N, C-alpha and C. Protein backbone atom coordinates (compact mmCIF):
# COMPACT_ATOMS: atom_id res chain seq x y z
N MET A 1 -10.81 -7.84 -11.34
CA MET A 1 -10.05 -7.99 -10.16
C MET A 1 -8.97 -6.86 -10.14
N VAL A 2 -8.84 -6.25 -8.93
CA VAL A 2 -7.81 -5.28 -8.71
C VAL A 2 -6.94 -5.79 -7.54
N PHE A 3 -5.65 -5.96 -7.72
CA PHE A 3 -4.78 -6.40 -6.65
C PHE A 3 -3.85 -5.24 -6.38
N ASP A 4 -3.79 -4.83 -5.13
CA ASP A 4 -2.92 -3.79 -4.65
C ASP A 4 -2.13 -4.36 -3.47
N GLY A 5 -0.87 -4.54 -3.59
CA GLY A 5 -0.11 -5.15 -2.50
C GLY A 5 1.28 -4.62 -2.49
N ALA A 6 1.79 -4.55 -1.22
CA ALA A 6 3.14 -4.06 -1.03
C ALA A 6 4.11 -5.24 -1.17
N SER A 7 5.35 -4.99 -1.49
CA SER A 7 6.35 -6.00 -1.54
C SER A 7 7.09 -6.13 -0.22
N SER A 8 6.61 -5.32 0.78
CA SER A 8 7.10 -5.37 2.08
C SER A 8 6.13 -6.05 2.95
N ALA A 9 6.53 -6.44 4.20
CA ALA A 9 5.68 -7.19 5.11
C ALA A 9 4.37 -6.36 5.45
N VAL A 10 4.53 -5.07 5.55
CA VAL A 10 3.35 -4.20 5.63
C VAL A 10 3.66 -2.97 4.83
N ALA A 11 2.57 -2.35 4.31
CA ALA A 11 2.74 -1.09 3.51
C ALA A 11 3.12 0.08 4.41
N GLU A 12 3.76 1.06 3.83
CA GLU A 12 4.20 2.21 4.62
C GLU A 12 2.94 2.94 5.20
N GLY A 13 1.83 2.97 4.52
CA GLY A 13 0.60 3.55 4.99
C GLY A 13 0.20 2.91 6.36
N LYS A 14 0.43 1.59 6.54
CA LYS A 14 0.10 0.95 7.80
C LYS A 14 1.07 1.36 8.89
N VAL A 15 2.31 1.60 8.50
CA VAL A 15 3.31 2.10 9.47
C VAL A 15 2.96 3.48 9.95
N ARG A 16 2.52 4.32 9.00
CA ARG A 16 2.16 5.67 9.31
C ARG A 16 0.87 5.69 10.26
N LEU A 17 -0.04 4.88 9.90
CA LEU A 17 -1.29 4.77 10.74
C LEU A 17 -0.97 4.29 12.13
N ALA A 18 -0.13 3.28 12.33
CA ALA A 18 0.28 2.79 13.60
C ALA A 18 0.97 3.96 14.38
N ARG A 19 1.76 4.65 13.67
CA ARG A 19 2.50 5.76 14.32
C ARG A 19 1.54 6.80 14.79
N SER A 20 0.53 7.11 13.91
CA SER A 20 -0.48 8.18 14.32
C SER A 20 -1.30 7.68 15.54
N LYS A 21 -1.59 6.42 15.62
CA LYS A 21 -2.39 5.89 16.70
C LYS A 21 -1.56 5.53 17.89
N GLY A 22 -0.31 5.62 17.80
CA GLY A 22 0.55 5.23 18.90
C GLY A 22 0.58 3.69 19.20
N LEU A 23 0.39 2.91 18.14
CA LEU A 23 0.35 1.52 18.24
C LEU A 23 1.63 0.77 17.76
N PRO A 24 2.00 -0.39 18.27
CA PRO A 24 3.18 -1.07 17.77
C PRO A 24 2.77 -1.80 16.46
N LEU A 25 3.79 -2.15 15.62
CA LEU A 25 3.63 -2.91 14.45
C LEU A 25 3.76 -4.35 14.79
N PRO A 26 3.32 -5.25 13.82
CA PRO A 26 3.55 -6.71 14.11
C PRO A 26 5.05 -7.00 14.06
N GLU A 27 5.46 -8.05 14.77
CA GLU A 27 6.79 -8.51 14.71
C GLU A 27 7.16 -8.90 13.26
N GLY A 28 8.36 -8.58 12.80
CA GLY A 28 8.80 -8.92 11.50
C GLY A 28 8.39 -7.93 10.38
N ALA A 29 7.93 -6.75 10.78
CA ALA A 29 7.50 -5.78 9.74
C ALA A 29 8.59 -4.79 9.43
N ILE A 30 9.30 -4.30 10.41
CA ILE A 30 10.39 -3.30 10.22
C ILE A 30 11.59 -3.55 11.05
N VAL A 31 12.66 -2.84 10.72
CA VAL A 31 13.93 -2.84 11.46
C VAL A 31 14.27 -1.42 11.80
N ASP A 32 15.08 -1.18 12.84
CA ASP A 32 15.57 0.17 13.12
C ASP A 32 16.73 0.47 12.30
N ALA A 33 17.31 1.62 12.52
CA ALA A 33 18.51 2.14 11.69
C ALA A 33 19.69 1.21 11.78
N GLU A 34 19.78 0.41 12.80
CA GLU A 34 20.87 -0.50 12.98
C GLU A 34 20.55 -1.96 12.42
N GLY A 35 19.32 -2.11 11.86
CA GLY A 35 18.94 -3.36 11.31
C GLY A 35 18.37 -4.37 12.31
N LYS A 36 18.01 -3.83 13.48
CA LYS A 36 17.47 -4.74 14.53
C LYS A 36 15.95 -4.65 14.46
N ALA A 37 15.36 -5.86 14.70
CA ALA A 37 13.86 -5.94 14.65
C ALA A 37 13.34 -5.01 15.66
N THR A 38 12.16 -4.35 15.27
CA THR A 38 11.44 -3.48 16.14
C THR A 38 9.98 -3.46 15.82
N THR A 39 9.17 -3.08 16.74
CA THR A 39 7.75 -2.93 16.54
C THR A 39 7.28 -1.41 16.59
N ASN A 40 8.29 -0.60 16.88
CA ASN A 40 8.00 0.82 17.06
C ASN A 40 8.00 1.61 15.71
N PRO A 41 6.87 2.09 15.23
CA PRO A 41 6.79 2.73 13.97
C PRO A 41 7.78 3.86 13.82
N GLU A 42 8.08 4.57 14.95
CA GLU A 42 9.02 5.72 14.90
C GLU A 42 10.39 5.27 14.40
N ASP A 43 10.80 4.08 14.68
CA ASP A 43 12.05 3.53 14.22
C ASP A 43 12.27 3.55 12.75
N PHE A 44 11.20 3.33 11.97
CA PHE A 44 11.18 3.33 10.53
C PHE A 44 11.53 4.77 10.06
N TYR A 45 10.91 5.73 10.67
CA TYR A 45 11.17 7.16 10.24
C TYR A 45 12.43 7.71 10.72
N ARG A 46 13.11 7.03 11.66
CA ARG A 46 14.49 7.46 12.10
C ARG A 46 15.56 6.69 11.33
N GLY A 47 15.30 6.27 10.18
CA GLY A 47 16.36 5.63 9.36
C GLY A 47 16.22 4.11 9.28
N GLY A 48 15.16 3.56 9.79
CA GLY A 48 14.99 2.12 9.74
C GLY A 48 14.53 1.67 8.37
N GLY A 49 14.09 0.48 8.21
CA GLY A 49 13.63 -0.01 6.92
C GLY A 49 12.50 -1.06 7.08
N MET A 50 11.83 -1.30 5.99
CA MET A 50 10.78 -2.27 5.96
C MET A 50 11.34 -3.60 5.54
N LEU A 51 10.86 -4.65 6.16
CA LEU A 51 11.23 -6.02 5.78
C LEU A 51 10.35 -6.47 4.63
N PRO A 52 10.93 -7.34 3.78
CA PRO A 52 10.20 -7.76 2.58
C PRO A 52 9.15 -8.83 2.92
N VAL A 53 8.11 -8.89 2.15
CA VAL A 53 7.12 -9.92 2.35
C VAL A 53 7.86 -11.33 2.13
N GLY A 54 7.45 -12.24 2.94
CA GLY A 54 8.06 -13.59 2.87
C GLY A 54 8.92 -13.87 4.10
N GLY A 55 9.21 -12.87 4.90
CA GLY A 55 9.92 -13.04 6.17
C GLY A 55 11.34 -13.65 6.01
N SER A 56 11.75 -14.35 7.01
CA SER A 56 13.17 -14.90 7.02
C SER A 56 13.17 -16.18 6.12
N VAL A 57 12.16 -16.75 5.76
CA VAL A 57 12.23 -17.95 4.90
C VAL A 57 12.19 -17.57 3.44
N ALA A 58 11.31 -16.69 3.01
CA ALA A 58 11.16 -16.39 1.60
C ALA A 58 11.25 -14.87 1.29
N GLY A 59 11.94 -14.16 2.15
CA GLY A 59 12.04 -12.65 2.02
C GLY A 59 12.69 -12.24 0.70
N HIS A 60 13.51 -13.09 0.15
CA HIS A 60 14.16 -12.80 -1.16
C HIS A 60 13.09 -12.53 -2.23
N LYS A 61 11.92 -13.19 -2.09
CA LYS A 61 10.87 -12.96 -3.10
C LYS A 61 10.28 -11.54 -3.01
N GLY A 62 9.98 -11.07 -1.77
CA GLY A 62 9.51 -9.74 -1.61
C GLY A 62 10.60 -8.73 -1.98
N TYR A 63 11.82 -9.04 -1.68
CA TYR A 63 12.96 -8.12 -2.04
C TYR A 63 13.02 -8.06 -3.49
N GLY A 64 12.91 -9.16 -4.25
CA GLY A 64 13.03 -9.18 -5.73
C GLY A 64 11.90 -8.43 -6.26
N LEU A 65 10.64 -8.57 -5.74
CA LEU A 65 9.52 -7.82 -6.29
C LEU A 65 9.68 -6.32 -6.07
N ALA A 66 10.17 -5.94 -4.94
CA ALA A 66 10.35 -4.48 -4.60
C ALA A 66 11.47 -3.93 -5.50
N MET A 67 12.54 -4.64 -5.75
CA MET A 67 13.58 -4.18 -6.65
C MET A 67 13.09 -4.05 -8.03
N ALA A 68 12.31 -5.07 -8.56
CA ALA A 68 11.80 -5.06 -9.92
C ALA A 68 10.85 -3.83 -10.10
N SER A 69 10.06 -3.70 -9.06
CA SER A 69 9.02 -2.59 -9.13
C SER A 69 9.73 -1.25 -9.16
N MET A 70 10.77 -1.11 -8.29
CA MET A 70 11.47 0.21 -8.19
C MET A 70 12.09 0.45 -9.53
N LEU A 71 12.79 -0.53 -10.11
CA LEU A 71 13.51 -0.25 -11.35
C LEU A 71 12.57 -0.04 -12.48
N LEU A 72 11.44 -0.71 -12.57
CA LEU A 72 10.47 -0.47 -13.65
C LEU A 72 9.86 0.92 -13.51
N SER A 73 9.52 1.23 -12.29
CA SER A 73 8.95 2.63 -12.11
C SER A 73 9.96 3.69 -12.33
N ALA A 74 11.19 3.49 -12.17
CA ALA A 74 12.29 4.45 -12.44
C ALA A 74 12.42 4.68 -13.92
N LEU A 75 12.01 3.76 -14.80
CA LEU A 75 12.11 3.99 -16.21
C LEU A 75 11.31 5.19 -16.62
N ALA A 76 10.25 5.50 -15.98
CA ALA A 76 9.45 6.73 -16.31
C ALA A 76 10.19 7.99 -16.03
N MET A 77 11.23 7.93 -15.30
CA MET A 77 11.89 9.17 -14.90
C MET A 77 13.34 9.38 -15.51
N ILE A 78 13.68 8.43 -16.46
CA ILE A 78 15.00 8.53 -17.00
C ILE A 78 15.33 9.84 -17.76
N ASP A 79 14.39 10.20 -18.70
CA ASP A 79 14.69 11.43 -19.52
C ASP A 79 14.17 12.70 -18.89
N ASP A 80 13.11 12.61 -18.07
CA ASP A 80 12.49 13.85 -17.56
C ASP A 80 12.08 13.61 -16.10
N PRO A 81 13.00 13.72 -15.14
CA PRO A 81 12.56 13.52 -13.72
C PRO A 81 11.80 14.77 -13.36
N ASN A 82 10.44 14.63 -13.44
CA ASN A 82 9.55 15.77 -13.16
C ASN A 82 9.48 16.12 -11.69
N PRO A 83 9.97 17.35 -11.32
CA PRO A 83 9.97 17.73 -9.96
C PRO A 83 8.49 17.82 -9.39
N TYR A 84 7.47 18.12 -10.32
CA TYR A 84 6.17 18.21 -9.81
C TYR A 84 5.60 16.87 -9.36
N LEU A 85 6.08 15.79 -9.99
CA LEU A 85 5.68 14.42 -9.64
C LEU A 85 6.02 14.24 -8.21
N TRP A 86 7.22 14.58 -7.87
CA TRP A 86 7.70 14.45 -6.48
C TRP A 86 7.07 15.35 -5.50
N ALA A 87 6.82 16.57 -5.91
CA ALA A 87 6.21 17.60 -5.04
C ALA A 87 4.74 17.18 -4.67
N SER A 88 4.07 16.49 -5.59
CA SER A 88 2.66 16.18 -5.30
C SER A 88 2.54 14.77 -4.78
N SER A 89 3.60 14.14 -4.57
CA SER A 89 3.56 12.64 -4.13
C SER A 89 4.09 12.53 -2.77
N GLU A 90 3.65 11.43 -2.06
CA GLU A 90 4.16 11.12 -0.77
C GLU A 90 5.44 10.33 -0.88
N VAL A 91 5.82 9.97 -2.16
CA VAL A 91 7.06 9.28 -2.35
C VAL A 91 8.24 10.22 -2.40
N GLU A 92 9.30 9.80 -1.80
CA GLU A 92 10.52 10.70 -1.77
C GLU A 92 11.30 10.55 -3.12
N PRO A 93 11.98 11.64 -3.51
CA PRO A 93 12.69 11.67 -4.79
C PRO A 93 13.76 10.55 -4.74
N PRO A 94 14.34 10.15 -5.97
CA PRO A 94 15.32 9.06 -5.99
C PRO A 94 16.57 9.20 -5.17
N ASP A 95 16.92 10.44 -4.92
CA ASP A 95 18.18 10.70 -4.21
C ASP A 95 18.07 10.48 -2.72
N ARG A 96 16.86 10.27 -2.22
CA ARG A 96 16.71 10.03 -0.77
C ARG A 96 16.17 8.63 -0.51
N ARG A 97 16.75 8.00 0.49
CA ARG A 97 16.35 6.66 1.01
C ARG A 97 16.53 5.54 -0.11
N GLY A 98 17.16 5.98 -1.23
CA GLY A 98 17.44 4.97 -2.26
C GLY A 98 16.27 4.52 -3.07
N ARG A 99 15.13 5.21 -3.01
CA ARG A 99 13.99 4.74 -3.71
C ARG A 99 13.83 5.47 -5.02
N ALA A 100 13.51 4.82 -6.07
CA ALA A 100 13.33 5.51 -7.33
C ALA A 100 11.84 5.66 -7.61
N GLY A 101 10.98 5.19 -6.80
CA GLY A 101 9.57 5.40 -6.99
C GLY A 101 8.78 4.44 -6.02
N GLY A 102 7.61 4.76 -5.75
CA GLY A 102 6.88 4.04 -4.85
C GLY A 102 5.68 3.29 -5.43
N VAL A 103 5.46 3.46 -6.71
CA VAL A 103 4.35 2.81 -7.33
C VAL A 103 4.78 2.22 -8.64
N PHE A 104 4.37 1.02 -8.91
CA PHE A 104 4.54 0.32 -10.14
C PHE A 104 3.18 -0.11 -10.59
N LEU A 105 2.67 0.27 -11.72
CA LEU A 105 1.38 -0.07 -12.20
C LEU A 105 1.49 -0.72 -13.56
N ILE A 106 0.84 -1.81 -13.74
CA ILE A 106 0.85 -2.49 -14.98
C ILE A 106 -0.66 -2.75 -15.34
N VAL A 107 -0.98 -2.36 -16.58
CA VAL A 107 -2.39 -2.58 -17.03
C VAL A 107 -2.30 -3.46 -18.29
N ILE A 108 -3.04 -4.54 -18.27
CA ILE A 108 -3.01 -5.47 -19.41
C ILE A 108 -4.42 -5.49 -20.06
N ASP A 109 -4.34 -5.35 -21.40
CA ASP A 109 -5.61 -5.40 -22.13
C ASP A 109 -5.90 -6.83 -22.56
N PRO A 110 -6.73 -7.64 -21.82
CA PRO A 110 -6.96 -9.04 -22.23
C PRO A 110 -7.47 -9.18 -23.62
N GLN A 111 -8.09 -8.19 -24.13
CA GLN A 111 -8.56 -8.25 -25.55
C GLN A 111 -7.41 -8.55 -26.56
N ARG A 112 -6.24 -8.25 -26.18
CA ARG A 112 -5.06 -8.47 -27.05
C ARG A 112 -4.72 -9.99 -27.18
N PHE A 113 -5.31 -10.77 -26.27
CA PHE A 113 -4.99 -12.20 -26.24
C PHE A 113 -6.05 -13.04 -26.69
N GLY A 114 -7.20 -12.53 -27.10
CA GLY A 114 -8.28 -13.37 -27.63
C GLY A 114 -9.64 -12.68 -27.31
N ASP A 115 -10.69 -13.45 -27.38
CA ASP A 115 -12.02 -13.05 -27.18
C ASP A 115 -12.29 -12.45 -25.87
N PRO A 116 -12.61 -11.19 -25.72
CA PRO A 116 -12.83 -10.60 -24.35
C PRO A 116 -14.03 -11.13 -23.67
N THR A 117 -15.05 -11.53 -24.36
CA THR A 117 -16.28 -12.11 -23.73
C THR A 117 -15.97 -13.40 -23.08
N HIS A 118 -15.19 -14.27 -23.73
CA HIS A 118 -14.79 -15.53 -23.13
C HIS A 118 -13.89 -15.31 -21.97
N TYR A 119 -12.99 -14.30 -22.01
CA TYR A 119 -12.13 -13.99 -20.87
C TYR A 119 -12.90 -13.53 -19.66
N ARG A 120 -13.88 -12.65 -19.89
CA ARG A 120 -14.72 -12.15 -18.79
C ARG A 120 -15.53 -13.28 -18.19
N ALA A 121 -15.98 -14.26 -18.94
CA ALA A 121 -16.68 -15.34 -18.35
C ALA A 121 -15.76 -16.25 -17.58
N LEU A 122 -14.49 -16.42 -18.00
CA LEU A 122 -13.50 -17.20 -17.33
C LEU A 122 -13.24 -16.52 -16.00
N VAL A 123 -13.00 -15.24 -16.01
CA VAL A 123 -12.71 -14.53 -14.80
C VAL A 123 -13.89 -14.65 -13.77
N ALA A 124 -15.08 -14.46 -14.26
CA ALA A 124 -16.21 -14.58 -13.39
C ALA A 124 -16.33 -15.98 -12.83
N GLU A 125 -16.00 -16.99 -13.61
CA GLU A 125 -16.05 -18.38 -13.15
C GLU A 125 -14.95 -18.60 -12.06
N VAL A 126 -13.84 -18.09 -12.29
CA VAL A 126 -12.72 -18.29 -11.31
C VAL A 126 -13.16 -17.56 -9.98
N MET A 127 -13.52 -16.38 -10.10
CA MET A 127 -13.97 -15.59 -8.90
C MET A 127 -15.12 -16.29 -8.13
N ALA A 128 -16.11 -16.85 -8.82
CA ALA A 128 -17.18 -17.46 -8.17
C ALA A 128 -16.70 -18.75 -7.48
N ALA A 129 -15.82 -19.52 -8.17
CA ALA A 129 -15.27 -20.74 -7.57
C ALA A 129 -14.48 -20.42 -6.30
N ALA A 130 -13.73 -19.29 -6.31
CA ALA A 130 -12.89 -18.93 -5.14
C ALA A 130 -13.88 -18.58 -3.98
N LYS A 131 -14.98 -17.94 -4.24
CA LYS A 131 -15.93 -17.55 -3.20
C LYS A 131 -16.63 -18.73 -2.64
N ARG A 132 -16.84 -19.81 -3.43
CA ARG A 132 -17.55 -21.06 -3.00
C ARG A 132 -16.63 -21.97 -2.18
N ALA A 133 -15.33 -21.76 -2.24
CA ALA A 133 -14.42 -22.66 -1.54
C ALA A 133 -14.72 -22.67 -0.04
N PRO A 134 -14.49 -23.82 0.64
CA PRO A 134 -14.74 -23.85 2.08
C PRO A 134 -13.80 -22.85 2.86
N CYS A 135 -14.36 -22.23 3.87
CA CYS A 135 -13.61 -21.24 4.64
C CYS A 135 -12.77 -21.97 5.70
N ALA A 136 -11.63 -21.38 6.00
CA ALA A 136 -10.79 -21.96 7.12
C ALA A 136 -11.51 -21.68 8.40
N PRO A 137 -11.22 -22.42 9.46
CA PRO A 137 -11.83 -22.16 10.77
C PRO A 137 -11.72 -20.71 11.15
N GLY A 138 -12.84 -20.10 11.61
CA GLY A 138 -12.78 -18.71 12.06
C GLY A 138 -12.91 -17.65 10.99
N VAL A 139 -13.02 -18.10 9.72
CA VAL A 139 -13.10 -17.19 8.63
C VAL A 139 -14.58 -17.29 8.17
N ASP A 140 -15.22 -16.14 8.02
CA ASP A 140 -16.59 -16.11 7.64
C ASP A 140 -16.85 -16.07 6.14
N GLU A 141 -15.86 -15.52 5.40
CA GLU A 141 -16.08 -15.37 3.96
C GLU A 141 -14.72 -15.23 3.24
N ILE A 142 -14.67 -15.83 2.06
CA ILE A 142 -13.44 -15.75 1.29
C ILE A 142 -13.64 -14.46 0.43
N LEU A 143 -12.66 -13.58 0.53
CA LEU A 143 -12.65 -12.32 -0.25
C LEU A 143 -11.69 -12.41 -1.47
N ILE A 144 -12.07 -11.94 -2.59
CA ILE A 144 -11.17 -11.94 -3.73
C ILE A 144 -10.38 -10.58 -3.72
N PRO A 145 -9.25 -10.50 -4.37
CA PRO A 145 -8.50 -9.27 -4.41
C PRO A 145 -9.35 -8.11 -4.86
N GLY A 146 -9.30 -6.99 -4.07
CA GLY A 146 -10.04 -5.84 -4.35
C GLY A 146 -11.33 -5.71 -3.49
N GLU A 147 -11.90 -6.92 -3.12
CA GLU A 147 -13.21 -6.91 -2.42
C GLU A 147 -13.09 -6.24 -1.07
N PRO A 148 -12.01 -6.47 -0.29
CA PRO A 148 -11.92 -5.79 1.01
C PRO A 148 -11.93 -4.19 0.82
N GLU A 149 -11.30 -3.75 -0.20
CA GLU A 149 -11.37 -2.29 -0.41
C GLU A 149 -12.70 -1.84 -0.84
N VAL A 150 -13.45 -2.58 -1.64
CA VAL A 150 -14.83 -2.19 -1.98
C VAL A 150 -15.68 -2.18 -0.79
N LYS A 151 -15.55 -3.16 0.10
CA LYS A 151 -16.40 -3.17 1.34
C LYS A 151 -16.07 -2.03 2.23
N MET A 152 -14.75 -1.66 2.32
CA MET A 152 -14.34 -0.59 3.16
C MET A 152 -14.86 0.70 2.55
N ARG A 153 -14.83 0.90 1.25
CA ARG A 153 -15.33 2.17 0.65
C ARG A 153 -16.83 2.30 0.95
N GLU A 154 -17.53 1.19 0.87
CA GLU A 154 -18.97 1.23 1.19
C GLU A 154 -19.22 1.63 2.67
N ARG A 155 -18.46 0.97 3.56
CA ARG A 155 -18.55 1.31 5.02
C ARG A 155 -18.21 2.77 5.26
N ARG A 156 -17.19 3.25 4.63
CA ARG A 156 -16.71 4.64 4.87
C ARG A 156 -17.69 5.65 4.26
N LYS A 157 -18.40 5.35 3.15
CA LYS A 157 -19.42 6.22 2.61
C LYS A 157 -20.56 6.26 3.58
N ARG A 158 -20.92 5.12 4.20
CA ARG A 158 -22.00 5.12 5.11
C ARG A 158 -21.70 5.69 6.53
N ASP A 159 -20.48 5.34 7.03
CA ASP A 159 -20.22 5.68 8.41
C ASP A 159 -19.17 6.81 8.56
N GLY A 160 -18.53 7.27 7.48
CA GLY A 160 -17.47 8.26 7.58
C GLY A 160 -16.11 7.65 7.65
N ILE A 161 -15.10 8.57 7.59
CA ILE A 161 -13.73 7.98 7.58
C ILE A 161 -13.09 8.38 8.99
N PRO A 162 -12.76 7.37 9.81
CA PRO A 162 -12.11 7.65 11.04
C PRO A 162 -10.67 8.16 10.80
N ILE A 163 -10.30 9.24 11.50
CA ILE A 163 -8.97 9.76 11.37
C ILE A 163 -8.37 9.88 12.73
N PRO A 164 -7.17 9.31 12.96
CA PRO A 164 -6.56 9.49 14.29
C PRO A 164 -6.27 10.92 14.61
N GLY A 165 -6.36 11.24 15.88
CA GLY A 165 -6.14 12.66 16.33
C GLY A 165 -4.89 13.26 15.80
N THR A 166 -3.77 12.46 15.85
CA THR A 166 -2.45 12.96 15.39
C THR A 166 -2.53 13.35 13.90
N THR A 167 -3.20 12.49 13.14
CA THR A 167 -3.26 12.76 11.66
C THR A 167 -4.14 13.99 11.46
N TRP A 168 -5.24 14.16 12.14
CA TRP A 168 -6.11 15.27 12.07
C TRP A 168 -5.38 16.56 12.35
N ASN A 169 -4.58 16.50 13.41
CA ASN A 169 -3.76 17.70 13.77
C ASN A 169 -2.78 18.06 12.68
N GLU A 170 -2.14 17.00 12.03
CA GLU A 170 -1.21 17.25 10.89
C GLU A 170 -1.95 17.88 9.76
N LEU A 171 -3.19 17.44 9.51
CA LEU A 171 -3.96 17.92 8.35
C LEU A 171 -4.28 19.44 8.63
N CYS A 172 -4.68 19.74 9.88
CA CYS A 172 -5.10 21.08 10.29
C CYS A 172 -3.90 22.04 10.10
N VAL A 173 -2.66 21.56 10.46
CA VAL A 173 -1.47 22.35 10.25
C VAL A 173 -1.25 22.61 8.72
N LEU A 174 -1.45 21.59 7.94
CA LEU A 174 -1.33 21.81 6.48
C LEU A 174 -2.40 22.71 5.94
N ALA A 175 -3.67 22.59 6.42
CA ALA A 175 -4.78 23.51 6.01
C ALA A 175 -4.38 24.91 6.31
N GLU A 176 -3.88 25.13 7.49
CA GLU A 176 -3.56 26.50 7.85
C GLU A 176 -2.38 27.04 7.00
N ARG A 177 -1.39 26.17 6.71
CA ARG A 177 -0.27 26.51 5.93
C ARG A 177 -0.68 27.01 4.51
N PHE A 178 -1.72 26.35 3.94
CA PHE A 178 -2.14 26.66 2.58
C PHE A 178 -3.46 27.48 2.61
N ALA A 179 -3.83 28.00 3.76
CA ALA A 179 -5.01 28.92 3.90
C ALA A 179 -6.28 28.20 3.42
N VAL A 180 -6.44 26.98 3.77
CA VAL A 180 -7.60 26.17 3.45
C VAL A 180 -8.37 25.83 4.71
N PRO A 181 -9.63 26.14 4.78
CA PRO A 181 -10.40 25.86 5.99
C PRO A 181 -10.50 24.30 6.17
N ALA A 182 -10.26 23.88 7.40
CA ALA A 182 -10.44 22.49 7.72
C ALA A 182 -11.91 22.16 7.83
N PRO A 183 -12.37 21.03 7.31
CA PRO A 183 -13.76 20.67 7.35
C PRO A 183 -14.15 20.47 8.86
N PRO A 184 -15.43 20.60 9.12
CA PRO A 184 -15.86 20.37 10.47
C PRO A 184 -15.77 18.87 10.84
N VAL A 185 -15.55 18.66 12.16
CA VAL A 185 -15.51 17.32 12.59
C VAL A 185 -16.91 16.83 12.94
N THR A 186 -17.24 15.63 12.46
CA THR A 186 -18.57 15.11 12.77
C THR A 186 -18.48 13.87 13.62
């Protein structure tokens, strides 16, 4: 199982995509620079902020997860804040927007806790049980964490990757800047 989730109501990539497509965001995803609710993705990039997962009832949980993630990822930069890390990343350096990092990754070796064969069987059993559970009305299939991404990868390999025109134009500007030919559009 691979779980990739933001501690905010929506991930910044979703904000960027909505901005590229000229679409609004869902209510409760971001605020503008004055802290007012907005659905305009541009407001985020003009000094606004993302709201934590959990909304007005349990937003403290998303806020806590975001803070813990930021502080844990900052540990990697205490002795050697590598400028190349920031230059090659879409994440801003710690001195901008108050972020110390955008990614927190934890890898656990289940073998350290006992028999790996037994653990794999347990994981397979739990995943199969989740898939067998009755679906909610209007839901065709229960997906386990990571499964939507696997299905999307297969679809994109087969059908290609749709890129909004705005994003394509930005990529072409970058390609020209670095003297790299842009691939043909199909």
